[in-house]
């Protein structure tokens, strides 16, 4: 499967890097690298993530890396990364459309 990033997910990843790098650029880089690695692993096994509780839709799933929820949609022959959120934040409907 191919991986596609939504503009929102890419922006969120940049925001995460910017926020962490204020205190520690090395740590920010490591977090972003781990997120990329987790996303890349979805190409081989996209159904490993759990169904996002706020949606209860089988095609909308999430995996966790550090304190972040990587929320994605399984589609025909591709995985679309929809957004990345802190694990304490609920997912608003507008971020999965």
C-alpha atoms as a PDB file:
ATOM      1  CA  UNK A   1       0.000   0.000   0.000  1.00  0.00           C
ATOM      2  CA  UNK A   2       1.083   3.557  -0.621  1.00  0.00           C
ATOM      3  CA  UNK A   3       1.124   6.223   2.086  1.00  0.00           C
ATOM      4  CA  UNK A   4      -0.340   9.676   1.472  1.00  0.00           C
ATOM      5  CA  UNK A   5      -0.150  12.605   3.898  1.00  0.00           C
ATOM      6  CA  UNK A   6      -2.969  15.129   4.120  1.00  0.00           C
ATOM      7  CA  UNK A   7      -1.903  18.785   4.309  1.00  0.00           C
ATOM      8  CA  UNK A   8      -3.299  18.880   7.862  1.00  0.00           C
ATOM      9  CA  UNK A   9      -1.184  15.911   8.965  1.00  0.00           C
ATOM     10  CA  UNK A  10       1.950  17.430   7.423  1.00  0.00           C
ATOM     11  CA  UNK A  11       1.242  20.737   9.159  1.00  0.00           C
ATOM     12  CA  UNK A  12       0.696  18.981  12.477  1.00  0.00           C
ATOM     13  CA  UNK A  13       4.008  17.174  12.141  1.00  0.00           C
ATOM     14  CA  UNK A  14       5.773  20.482  11.499  1.00  0.00           C
ATOM     15  CA  UNK A  15       4.022  21.978  14.543  1.00  0.00           C
ATOM     16  CA  UNK A  16       5.146  19.065  16.713  1.00  0.00           C
ATOM     17  CA  UNK A  17       8.737  19.542  15.579  1.00  0.00           C
ATOM     18  CA  UNK A  18       8.592  23.295  16.166  1.00  0.00           C
ATOM     19  CA  UNK A  19       7.089  22.905  19.642  1.00  0.00           C
ATOM     20  CA  UNK A  20       9.591  20.315  20.878  1.00  0.00           C
ATOM     21  CA  UNK A  21      12.597  21.952  19.213  1.00  0.00           C
ATOM     22  CA  UNK A  22      12.158  25.103  21.288  1.00  0.00           C
ATOM     23  CA  UNK A  23      13.641  23.123  24.173  1.00  0.00           C
ATOM     24  CA  UNK A  24      15.503  20.319  22.424  1.00  0.00           C
ATOM     25  CA  UNK A  25      16.111  20.053  18.669  1.00  0.00           C
ATOM     26  CA  UNK A  26      17.594  16.580  18.985  1.00  0.00           C
ATOM     27  CA  UNK A  27      14.519  15.277  20.804  1.00  0.00           C
ATOM     28  CA  UNK A  28      12.240  16.918  18.235  1.00  0.00           C
ATOM     29  CA  UNK A  29      14.081  15.193  15.416  1.00  0.00           C
ATOM     30  CA  UNK A  30      13.838  11.822  17.165  1.00  0.00           C
ATOM     31  CA  UNK A  31      10.084  12.159  17.729  1.00  0.00           C
ATOM     32  CA  UNK A  32       9.482  13.086  14.083  1.00  0.00           C
ATOM     33  CA  UNK A  33      11.660  10.187  12.916  1.00  0.00           C
ATOM     34  CA  UNK A  34       9.702   7.752  15.111  1.00  0.00           C
ATOM     35  CA  UNK A  35       6.408   9.096  13.739  1.00  0.00           C
ATOM     36  CA  UNK A  36       7.659   8.625  10.157  1.00  0.00           C
ATOM     37  CA  UNK A  37       8.803   5.093  10.965  1.00  0.00           C
ATOM     38  CA  UNK A  38       5.422   4.234  12.486  1.00  0.00           C
ATOM     39  CA  UNK A  39       3.605   5.656   9.449  1.00  0.00           C
ATOM     40  CA  UNK A  40       5.835   3.735   7.033  1.00  0.00           C
ATOM     41  CA  UNK A  41       5.023   0.500   8.868  1.00  0.00           C
ATOM     42  CA  UNK A  42       1.351   0.972   7.983  1.00  0.00           C
ATOM     43  CA  UNK A  43       2.108   0.220   4.323  1.00  0.00           C
ATOM     44  CA  UNK A  44       2.546  -3.463   5.174  1.00  0.00           C
ATOM     45  CA  UNK A  45      -0.086  -3.823   7.884  1.00  0.00           C
ATOM     46  CA  UNK A  46      -2.627  -0.971   7.854  1.00  0.00           C
ATOM     47  CA  UNK A  47      -5.263  -2.792   9.888  1.00  0.00           C
ATOM     48  CA  UNK A  48      -3.008  -3.126  12.929  1.00  0.00           C
ATOM     49  CA  UNK A  49      -4.205   0.199  14.327  1.00  0.00           C
ATOM     50  CA  UNK A  50      -7.304   0.349  16.449  1.00  0.00           C
ATOM     51  CA  UNK A  51     -10.556   1.851  15.226  1.00  0.00           C
ATOM     52  CA  UNK A  52     -10.748   5.483  16.349  1.00  0.00           C
ATOM     53  CA  UNK A  53     -13.319   5.517  19.187  1.00  0.00           C
ATOM     54  CA  UNK A  54     -14.782   8.882  18.188  1.00  0.00           C
ATOM     55  CA  UNK A  55     -15.728   7.568  14.740  1.00  0.00           C
ATOM     56  CA  UNK A  56     -16.438   3.864  15.231  1.00  0.00           C
ATOM     57  CA  UNK A  57     -15.670   3.424  11.511  1.00  0.00           C
ATOM     58  CA  UNK A  58     -13.520   0.447  10.496  1.00  0.00           C
ATOM     59  CA  UNK A  59     -11.593   2.423   7.870  1.00  0.00           C
ATOM     60  CA  UNK A  60     -10.561   5.205  10.293  1.00  0.00           C
ATOM     61  CA  UNK A  61      -7.804   3.909  12.556  1.00  0.00           C
ATOM     62  CA  UNK A  62      -5.008   5.115  14.768  1.00  0.00           C
ATOM     63  CA  UNK A  63      -1.621   4.082  16.021  1.00  0.00           C
ATOM     64  CA  UNK A  64       0.322   5.751  18.774  1.00  0.00           C
ATOM     65  CA  UNK A  65       3.858   7.080  18.865  1.00  0.00           C
ATOM     66  CA  UNK A  66       5.141   8.798  21.973  1.00  0.00           C
ATOM     67  CA  UNK A  67       2.203  10.928  23.119  1.00  0.00           C
ATOM     68  CA  UNK A  68       0.712  11.292  19.656  1.00  0.00           C
ATOM     69  CA  UNK A  69      -2.206   9.668  17.874  1.00  0.00           C
ATOM     70  CA  UNK A  70      -1.531   9.091  14.183  1.00  0.00           C
ATOM     71  CA  UNK A  71      -4.989   8.952  12.644  1.00  0.00           C
ATOM     72  CA  UNK A  72      -5.408   7.470   9.194  1.00  0.00           C
ATOM     73  CA  UNK A  73      -7.908   6.130   6.696  1.00  0.00           C
ATOM     74  CA  UNK A  74      -7.514   2.781   4.952  1.00  0.00           C
ATOM     75  CA  UNK A  75      -8.539   3.097   1.318  1.00  0.00           C
ATOM     76  CA  UNK A  76      -8.202   0.933  -1.753  1.00  0.00           C
ATOM     77  CA  UNK A  77      -4.439   0.469  -2.242  1.00  0.00           C
ATOM     78  CA  UNK A  78      -3.496   3.427  -0.034  1.00  0.00           C
ATOM     79  CA  UNK A  79      -3.323   4.683   3.521  1.00  0.00           C
ATOM     80  CA  UNK A  80      -4.117   8.353   4.016  1.00  0.00           C
ATOM     81  CA  UNK A  81      -2.635  10.004   7.093  1.00  0.00           C
ATOM     82  CA  UNK A  82      -5.407  12.380   8.170  1.00  0.00           C
ATOM     83  CA  UNK A  83      -3.993  14.088  11.243  1.00  0.00           C
ATOM     84  CA  UNK A  84      -1.701  13.756  14.239  1.00  0.00           C
ATOM     85  CA  UNK A  85      -2.965  14.776  17.657  1.00  0.00           C
ATOM     86  CA  UNK A  86      -1.864  14.579  21.252  1.00  0.00           C
ATOM     87  CA  UNK A  87      -3.328  11.435  22.797  1.00  0.00           C
ATOM     88  CA  UNK A  88      -5.289  13.571  25.293  1.00  0.00           C
ATOM     89  CA  UNK A  89      -7.187  15.400  22.536  1.00  0.00           C
ATOM     90  CA  UNK A  90     -10.454  14.183  21.074  1.00  0.00           C
ATOM     91  CA  UNK A  91     -10.746  14.042  17.313  1.00  0.00           C
ATOM     92  CA  UNK A  92     -13.074  16.678  15.830  1.00  0.00           C
ATOM     93  CA  UNK A  93     -15.213  15.527  12.871  1.00  0.00           C
ATOM     94  CA  UNK A  94     -13.728  18.161  10.570  1.00  0.00           C
ATOM     95  CA  UNK A  95     -10.315  16.458  10.694  1.00  0.00           C
ATOM     96  CA  UNK A  96     -11.506  13.210   9.117  1.00  0.00           C
ATOM     97  CA  UNK A  97     -13.446  14.573   6.150  1.00  0.00           C
END
